[in-house]
PDB file of N, CA and C in Angstrom:
ATOM      1  N   MET A   1       0.935  -1.059   0.108  1.00  0.00           N
ATOM      2  CA  MET A   1       0.064  -0.029   0.106  1.00  0.00           C
ATOM      3  C   MET A   1       0.573   1.138   0.231  1.00  0.00           C
ATOM      4  N   GLN A   2       0.760   1.928  -0.803  1.00  0.00           N
ATOM      5  CA  GLN A   2       1.280   3.457  -0.926  1.00  0.00           C
ATOM      6  C   GLN A   2       0.797   4.354  -0.078  1.00  0.00           C
ATOM      7  N   LYS A   3       1.925   5.006   0.376  1.00  0.00           N
ATOM      8  CA  LYS A   3       1.488   6.112   1.333  1.00  0.00           C
ATOM      9  C   LYS A   3       0.494   7.491   0.343  1.00  0.00           C
ATOM     10  N   GLY A   4      -0.749   7.519   0.979  1.00  0.00           N
ATOM     11  CA  GLY A   4      -1.411   8.728   0.500  1.00  0.00           C
ATOM     12  C   GLY A   4      -2.174   8.333  -1.094  1.00  0.00           C
ATOM     13  N   SER A   5      -2.451   6.891  -0.962  1.00  0.00           N
ATOM     14  CA  SER A   5      -2.739   6.243  -2.397  1.00  0.00           C
ATOM     15  C   SER A   5      -4.487   6.409  -2.113  1.00  0.00           C
ATOM     16  N   GLY A   6      -5.075   6.590  -1.025  1.00  0.00           N
ATOM     17  CA  GLY A   6      -6.384   6.970  -0.708  1.00  0.00           C
ATOM     18  C   GLY A   6      -7.236   5.703  -0.230  1.00  0.00           C
ATOM     19  N   ILE A   7      -6.194   4.382  -0.469  1.00  0.00           N
ATOM     20  CA  ILE A   7      -6.830   3.268   0.256  1.00  0.00           C
ATOM     21  C   ILE A   7      -6.136   2.805   1.294  1.00  0.00           C
ATOM     22  N   THR A   8      -6.972   2.166   2.237  1.00  0.00           N
ATOM     23  CA  THR A   8      -6.582   1.641   3.687  1.00  0.00           C
ATOM     24  C   THR A   8      -6.040   0.366   3.689  1.00  0.00           C
ATOM     25  N   ARG A   9      -5.800   0.046   4.788  1.00  0.00           N
ATOM     26  CA  ARG A   9      -5.411  -1.590   4.600  1.00  0.00           C
ATOM     27  C   ARG A   9      -6.462  -2.533   4.671  1.00  0.00           C
ATOM     28  N   ASP A  10      -7.844  -2.270   5.069  1.00  0.00           N
ATOM     29  CA  ASP A  10      -8.582  -2.923   4.618  1.00  0.00           C
ATOM     30  C   ASP A  10      -9.216  -2.803   2.987  1.00  0.00           C
ATOM     31  N   ASN A  11      -8.269  -2.121   2.316  1.00  0.00           N
ATOM     32  CA  ASN A  11      -8.576  -2.212   0.731  1.00  0.00           C
ATOM     33  C   ASN A  11      -9.832  -1.487   0.590  1.00  0.00           C
ATOM     34  N   LEU A  12     -10.376  -0.682   1.572  1.00  0.00           N
ATOM     35  CA  LEU A  12     -11.414   0.460   1.262  1.00  0.00           C
ATOM     36  C   LEU A  12     -11.154   1.749   0.970  1.00  0.00           C
ATOM     37  N   PRO A  13     -12.021   2.394   0.100  1.00  0.00           N
ATOM     38  CA  PRO A  13     -11.348   3.802   0.157  1.00  0.00           C
ATOM     39  C   PRO A  13     -11.653   4.691   1.355  1.00  0.00           C
ATOM     40  N   LYS A  14     -10.520   5.709   1.307  1.00  0.00           N
ATOM     41  CA  LYS A  14     -10.366   6.567   2.604  1.00  0.00           C
ATOM     42  C   LYS A  14     -11.158   7.748   2.672  1.00  0.00           C
ATOM     43  N   VAL A  15     -11.672   7.973   3.910  1.00  0.00           N
ATOM     44  CA  VAL A  15     -12.335   9.177   4.089  1.00  0.00           C
ATOM     45  C   VAL A  15     -11.671  10.189   4.452  1.00  0.00           C
ATOM     46  N   ILE A  16     -11.663  11.378   4.004  1.00  0.00           N
ATOM     47  CA  ILE A  16     -10.973  12.636   4.501  1.00  0.00           C
ATOM     48  C   ILE A  16     -12.208  13.564   4.785  1.00  0.00           C
ATOM     49  N   TRP A  17     -12.072  13.736   6.437  1.00  0.00           N
ATOM     50  CA  TRP A  17     -12.918  14.465   7.207  1.00  0.00           C
ATOM     51  C   TRP A  17     -12.791  15.962   6.781  1.00  0.00           C
ATOM     52  N   ILE A  18     -13.993  16.610   6.365  1.00  0.00           N
ATOM     53  CA  ILE A  18     -13.951  17.852   6.241  1.00  0.00           C
ATOM     54  C   ILE A  18     -14.104  18.804   7.844  1.00  0.00           C
ATOM     55  N   ASN A  19     -15.095  18.099   8.263  1.00  0.00           N
ATOM     56  CA  ASN A  19     -15.509  18.520   9.935  1.00  0.00           C
ATOM     57  C   ASN A  19     -16.196  17.457  10.335  1.00  0.00           C
ATOM     58  N   LYS A  20     -16.692  17.341  11.659  1.00  0.00           N
ATOM     59  CA  LYS A  20     -16.996  16.351  12.340  1.00  0.00           C
ATOM     60  C   LYS A  20     -18.434  15.755  11.829  1.00  0.00           C
ATOM     61  N   HIS A  21     -19.096  16.534  10.804  1.00  0.00           N
ATOM     62  CA  HIS A  21     -20.328  16.321  10.343  1.00  0.00           C
ATOM     63  C   HIS A  21     -20.298  15.337   8.808  1.00  0.00           C
ATOM     64  N   ALA A  22     -19.158  15.727   8.072  1.00  0.00           N
ATOM     65  CA  ALA A  22     -19.086  15.481   6.857  1.00  0.00           C
ATOM     66  C   ALA A  22     -17.538  14.969   6.163  1.00  0.00           C
ATOM     67  N   GLY A  23     -17.718  14.145   5.342  1.00  0.00           N
ATOM     68  CA  GLY A  23     -16.294  13.581   4.863  1.00  0.00           C
ATOM     69  C   GLY A  23     -16.450  13.472   3.310  1.00  0.00           C
ATOM     70  N   ILE A  24     -15.139  13.307   2.620  1.00  0.00           N
ATOM     71  CA  ILE A  24     -15.237  13.058   1.146  1.00  0.00           C
ATOM     72  C   ILE A  24     -14.469  11.810   1.128  1.00  0.00           C
ATOM     73  N   CYS A  25     -15.130  10.770   0.032  1.00  0.00           N
ATOM     74  CA  CYS A  25     -14.685   9.684  -0.216  1.00  0.00           C
ATOM     75  C   CYS A  25     -14.860   9.250  -1.700  1.00  0.00           C
ATOM     76  N   CYS A  26     -13.911   9.454  -2.257  1.00  0.00           N
ATOM     77  CA  CYS A  26     -13.653   8.930  -3.795  1.00  0.00           C
ATOM     78  C   CYS A  26     -14.790   9.909  -4.621  1.00  0.00           C
ATOM     79  N   GLY A  27     -14.675  11.371  -4.010  1.00  0.00           N
ATOM     80  CA  GLY A  27     -15.967  12.244  -4.813  1.00  0.00           C
ATOM     81  C   GLY A  27     -17.445  11.931  -4.134  1.00  0.00           C
ATOM     82  N   PHE A  28     -17.620  11.125  -3.500  1.00  0.00           N
ATOM     83  CA  PHE A  28     -19.007  11.060  -2.713  1.00  0.00           C
ATOM     84  C   PHE A  28     -18.857  11.779  -1.363  1.00  0.00           C
ATOM     85  N   THR A  29     -20.058  12.247  -0.872  1.00  0.00           N
ATOM     86  CA  THR A  29     -19.762  12.894   0.573  1.00  0.00           C
ATOM     87  C   THR A  29     -20.483  12.233   1.571  1.00  0.00           C
ATOM     88  N   ILE A  30     -19.817  11.933   2.454  1.00  0.00           N
ATOM     89  CA  ILE A  30     -20.416  10.964   3.422  1.00  0.00           C
ATOM     90  C   ILE A  30     -21.024  12.022   4.594  1.00  0.00           C
ATOM     91  N   ARG A  31     -22.184  12.124   5.010  1.00  0.00           N
ATOM     92  CA  ARG A  31     -22.655  12.877   6.062  1.00  0.00           C
ATOM     93  C   ARG A  31     -22.953  12.125   7.312  1.00  0.00           C
ATOM     94  N   VAL A  32     -22.687  12.773   8.669  1.00  0.00           N
ATOM     95  CA  VAL A  32     -22.967  12.016   9.555  1.00  0.00           C
ATOM     96  C   VAL A  32     -24.368  12.624  10.119  1.00  0.00           C
ATOM     97  N   LEU A  33     -25.365  11.658  10.060  1.00  0.00           N
ATOM     98  CA  LEU A  33     -26.626  12.245  10.440  1.00  0.00           C
ATOM     99  C   LEU A  33     -26.983  12.392  11.833  1.00  0.00           C
ATOM    100  N   PRO A  34     -27.475  13.278  12.675  1.00  0.00           N
ATOM    101  CA  PRO A  34     -27.788  13.047  14.165  1.00  0.00           C
ATOM    102  C   PRO A  34     -28.703  12.070  14.335  1.00  0.00           C
ATOM    103  N   ARG A  35     -28.520  11.570  15.403  1.00  0.00           N
ATOM    104  CA  ARG A  35     -29.473  10.628  16.287  1.00  0.00           C
ATOM    105  C   ARG A  35     -29.267  10.568  17.724  1.00  0.00           C
ATOM    106  N   ARG A  36     -29.718   9.547  18.494  1.00  0.00           N
ATOM    107  CA  ARG A  36     -29.385   9.412  19.648  1.00  0.00           C
ATOM    108  C   ARG A  36     -27.746   9.032  19.979  1.00  0.00           C
ATOM    109  N   VAL A  37     -27.500   9.469  21.170  1.00  0.00           N
ATOM    110  CA  VAL A  37     -26.165   9.128  21.424  1.00  0.00           C
ATOM    111  C   VAL A  37     -25.535   7.683  21.232  1.00  0.00           C
ATOM    112  N   GLY A  38     -24.560   7.724  20.448  1.00  0.00           N
ATOM    113  CA  GLY A  38     -23.856   6.255  20.072  1.00  0.00           C
ATOM    114  C   GLY A  38     -24.493   5.640  18.781  1.00  0.00           C
ATOM    115  N   LYS A  39     -25.424   6.154  18.367  1.00  0.00           N
ATOM    116  CA  LYS A  39     -26.279   5.748  16.959  1.00  0.00           C
ATOM    117  C   LYS A  39     -25.999   6.287  15.907  1.00  0.00           C
ATOM    118  N   LYS A  40     -24.840   6.495  15.271  1.00  0.00           N
ATOM    119  CA  LYS A  40     -24.662   7.172  14.424  1.00  0.00           C
ATOM    120  C   LYS A  40     -25.250   6.741  12.780  1.00  0.00           C
ATOM    121  N   ARG A  41     -25.433   7.386  11.935  1.00  0.00           N
ATOM    122  CA  ARG A  41     -26.058   7.206  10.804  1.00  0.00           C
ATOM    123  C   ARG A  41     -25.267   7.825   9.497  1.00  0.00           C
ATOM    124  N   TYR A  42     -24.764   7.081   8.483  1.00  0.00           N
ATOM    125  CA  TYR A  42     -24.094   7.762   7.424  1.00  0.00           C
ATOM    126  C   TYR A  42     -24.810   7.551   6.226  1.00  0.00           C
ATOM    127  N   GLN A  43     -24.787   9.002   5.709  1.00  0.00           N
ATOM    128  CA  GLN A  43     -25.638   9.143   4.562  1.00  0.00           C
ATOM    129  C   GLN A  43     -24.587   9.317   3.206  1.00  0.00           C
ATOM    130  N   ILE A  44     -25.027   8.537   1.942  1.00  0.00           N
ATOM    131  CA  ILE A  44     -23.984   8.694   1.238  1.00  0.00           C
ATOM    132  C   ILE A  44     -24.610   9.467  -0.195  1.00  0.00           C
ATOM    133  N   MET A  45     -23.776  10.448  -0.784  1.00  0.00           N
ATOM    134  CA  MET A  45     -24.222  11.292  -1.760  1.00  0.00           C
ATOM    135  C   MET A  45     -23.230  11.681  -2.433  1.00  0.00           C
ATOM    136  N   LYS A  46     -23.779  12.191  -3.761  1.00  0.00           N
ATOM    137  CA  LYS A  46     -22.812  12.221  -4.703  1.00  0.00           C
ATOM    138  C   LYS A  46     -23.902  13.330  -5.746  1.00  0.00           C
ATOM    139  N   ASP A  47     -23.196  14.403  -6.098  1.00  0.00           N
ATOM    140  CA  ASP A  47     -23.958  15.448  -7.006  1.00  0.00           C
ATOM    141  C   ASP A  47     -25.529  15.421  -6.835  1.00  0.00           C
ATOM    142  N   GLY A  48     -25.765  15.597  -5.542  1.00  0.00           N
ATOM    143  CA  GLY A  48     -27.136  15.886  -5.107  1.00  0.00           C
ATOM    144  C   GLY A  48     -28.061  14.659  -5.129  1.00  0.00           C
ATOM    145  N   ASP A  49     -27.394  13.638  -5.445  1.00  0.00           N
ATOM    146  CA  ASP A  49     -28.168  12.000  -5.541  1.00  0.00           C
ATOM    147  C   ASP A  49     -27.820  11.433  -4.135  1.00  0.00           C
ATOM    148  N   SER A  50     -28.662  10.993  -3.494  1.00  0.00           N
ATOM    149  CA  SER A  50     -28.422  10.102  -2.361  1.00  0.00           C
ATOM    150  C   SER A  50     -28.184   8.594  -2.733  1.00  0.00           C
ATOM    151  N   PHE A  51     -27.566   7.782  -2.261  1.00  0.00           N
ATOM    152  CA  PHE A  51     -27.042   6.273  -2.494  1.00  0.00           C
ATOM    153  C   PHE A  51     -27.268   5.611  -1.104  1.00  0.00           C
ATOM    154  N   GLY A  52     -28.364   6.250  -0.280  1.00  0.00           N
ATOM    155  CA  GLY A  52     -28.664   5.257   1.006  1.00  0.00           C
ATOM    156  C   GLY A  52     -27.753   5.701   2.357  1.00  0.00           C
ATOM    157  N   ILE A  53     -28.285   5.203   3.394  1.00  0.00           N
ATOM    158  CA  ILE A  53     -27.905   5.266   4.597  1.00  0.00           C
ATOM    159  C   ILE A  53     -27.341   3.974   5.115  1.00  0.00           C
ATOM    160  N   ASP A  54     -26.199   4.285   5.722  1.00  0.00           N
ATOM    161  CA  ASP A  54     -25.489   2.944   6.701  1.00  0.00           C
ATOM    162  C   ASP A  54     -25.443   3.212   7.724  1.00  0.00           C
ATOM    163  N   PHE A  55     -25.462   2.287   8.875  1.00  0.00           N
ATOM    164  CA  PHE A  55     -25.321   2.605   9.937  1.00  0.00           C
ATOM    165  C   PHE A  55     -23.882   2.157  10.792  1.00  0.00           C
ATOM    166  N   ALA A  56     -22.774   1.966   9.680  1.00  0.00           N
ATOM    167  CA  ALA A  56     -21.393   2.259  10.214  1.00  0.00           C
ATOM    168  C   ALA A  56     -20.743   2.601   9.203  1.00  0.00           C
ATOM    169  N   LEU A  57     -19.569   3.245   9.359  1.00  0.00           N
ATOM    170  CA  LEU A  57     -18.864   3.960   8.271  1.00  0.00           C
ATOM    171  C   LEU A  57     -17.947   2.862   7.652  1.00  0.00           C
ATOM    172  N   SER A  58     -17.680   1.937   8.217  1.00  0.00           N
ATOM    173  CA  SER A  58     -17.165   0.755   7.270  1.00  0.00           C
ATOM    174  C   SER A  58     -18.275   0.176   6.081  1.00  0.00           C
ATOM    175  N   GLU A  59     -19.593   0.229   6.500  1.00  0.00           N
ATOM    176  CA  GLU A  59     -20.500   0.007   5.407  1.00  0.00           C
ATOM    177  C   GLU A  59     -20.624   1.000   4.466  1.00  0.00           C
ATOM    178  N   ALA A  60     -20.531   2.098   4.780  1.00  0.00           N
ATOM    179  CA  ALA A  60     -20.618   2.976   3.961  1.00  0.00           C
ATOM    180  C   ALA A  60     -19.534   3.252   2.908  1.00  0.00           C
ATOM    181  N   ARG A  61     -18.508   2.739   3.586  1.00  0.00           N
ATOM    182  CA  ARG A  61     -17.215   2.793   2.602  1.00  0.00           C
ATOM    183  C   ARG A  61     -17.304   1.485   1.591  1.00  0.00           C
ATOM    184  N   LYS A  62     -17.789   0.257   2.169  1.00  0.00           N
ATOM    185  CA  LYS A  62     -18.059  -0.723   1.310  1.00  0.00           C
ATOM    186  C   LYS A  62     -19.286  -0.359   0.078  1.00  0.00           C
ATOM    187  N   THR A  63     -20.032   0.294   0.620  1.00  0.00           N
ATOM    188  CA  THR A  63     -21.190   0.824  -0.632  1.00  0.00           C
ATOM    189  C   THR A  63     -20.317   1.593  -1.570  1.00  0.00           C
ATOM    190  N   ILE A  64     -19.353   2.712  -1.267  1.00  0.00           N
ATOM    191  CA  ILE A  64     -18.890   3.372  -1.990  1.00  0.00           C
ATOM    192  C   ILE A  64     -17.880   2.552  -2.986  1.00  0.00           C
ATOM    193  N   ASP A  65     -17.350   1.695  -2.499  1.00  0.00           N
ATOM    194  CA  ASP A  65     -16.393   0.656  -3.268  1.00  0.00           C
ATOM    195  C   ASP A  65     -17.361  -0.128  -4.103  1.00  0.00           C
ATOM    196  N   ARG A  66     -18.486  -0.582  -3.870  1.00  0.00           N
ATOM    197  CA  ARG A  66     -19.198  -1.360  -4.789  1.00  0.00           C
ATOM    198  C   ARG A  66     -19.809  -0.492  -5.788  1.00  0.00           C
ATOM    199  N   ILE A  67     -20.149   0.709  -5.643  1.00  0.00           N
ATOM    200  CA  ILE A  67     -20.575   1.600  -6.482  1.00  0.00           C
ATOM    201  C   ILE A  67     -19.442   1.843  -7.476  1.00  0.00           C
ATOM    202  N   ILE A  68     -18.194   1.943  -7.199  1.00  0.00           N
ATOM    203  CA  ILE A  68     -17.233   2.657  -8.296  1.00  0.00           C
ATOM    204  C   ILE A  68     -16.706   1.284  -8.725  1.00  0.00           C
ATOM    205  N   ASN A  69     -16.563   0.216  -8.271  1.00  0.00           N
ATOM    206  CA  ASN A  69     -16.057  -1.087  -8.960  1.00  0.00           C
ATOM    207  C   ASN A  69     -16.767  -1.984  -9.611  1.00  0.00           C
ATOM    208  N   ASN A  70     -18.148  -1.814  -9.450  1.00  0.00           N
ATOM    209  CA  ASN A  70     -19.168  -2.549 -10.270  1.00  0.00           C
ATOM    210  C   ASN A  70     -20.025  -1.722 -11.037  1.00  0.00           C
ATOM    211  N   ASN A  71     -19.974  -0.322 -10.853  1.00  0.00           N
ATOM    212  CA  ASN A  71     -20.712   0.508 -11.373  1.00  0.00           C
ATOM    213  C   ASN A  71     -22.352   0.104 -11.335  1.00  0.00           C
ATOM    214  N   ARG A  72     -22.536  -0.249  -9.811  1.00  0.00           N
ATOM    215  CA  ARG A  72     -23.948  -0.617  -9.564  1.00  0.00           C
ATOM    216  C   ARG A  72     -24.225  -0.411  -8.037  1.00  0.00           C
ATOM    217  N   PHE A  73     -25.390  -0.249  -7.428  1.00  0.00           N
ATOM    218  CA  PHE A  73     -25.203  -0.127  -5.971  1.00  0.00           C
ATOM    219  C   PHE A  73     -25.908  -1.688  -5.465  1.00  0.00           C
ATOM    220  N   ILE A  74     -26.572  -2.315  -5.964  1.00  0.00           N
ATOM    221  CA  ILE A  74     -26.931  -3.670  -5.506  1.00  0.00           C
ATOM    222  C   ILE A  74     -26.083  -4.712  -5.995  1.00  0.00           C
ATOM    223  N   ILE A  75     -25.526  -5.696  -5.170  1.00  0.00           N
ATOM    224  CA  ILE A  75     -24.512  -6.957  -5.661  1.00  0.00           C
ATOM    225  C   ILE A  75     -25.741  -8.164  -5.990  1.00  0.00           C
ATOM    226  N   HIS A  76     -25.308  -8.488  -7.123  1.00  0.00           N
ATOM    227  CA  HIS A  76     -26.256  -9.545  -7.875  1.00  0.00           C
ATOM    228  C   HIS A  76     -25.273 -11.004  -7.735  1.00  0.00           C
TER     229      HIS A  76
END
């Protein structure tokens, strides 16, 4: 793994956090949605389109990876 390659050790895209509520991952925006303490939700967006909500950051990163590598949202 090259330093600064944008891929982490788990081979998922890296998130660069803009602030505590939003990050950028491969051109997608990941927003942390408010909820109760300890129950974060992550909304995936790009160009005003929503690609769903995941309940873990790693799941949001996996969703982005699937969209990029398979050019689709659902695994068949």
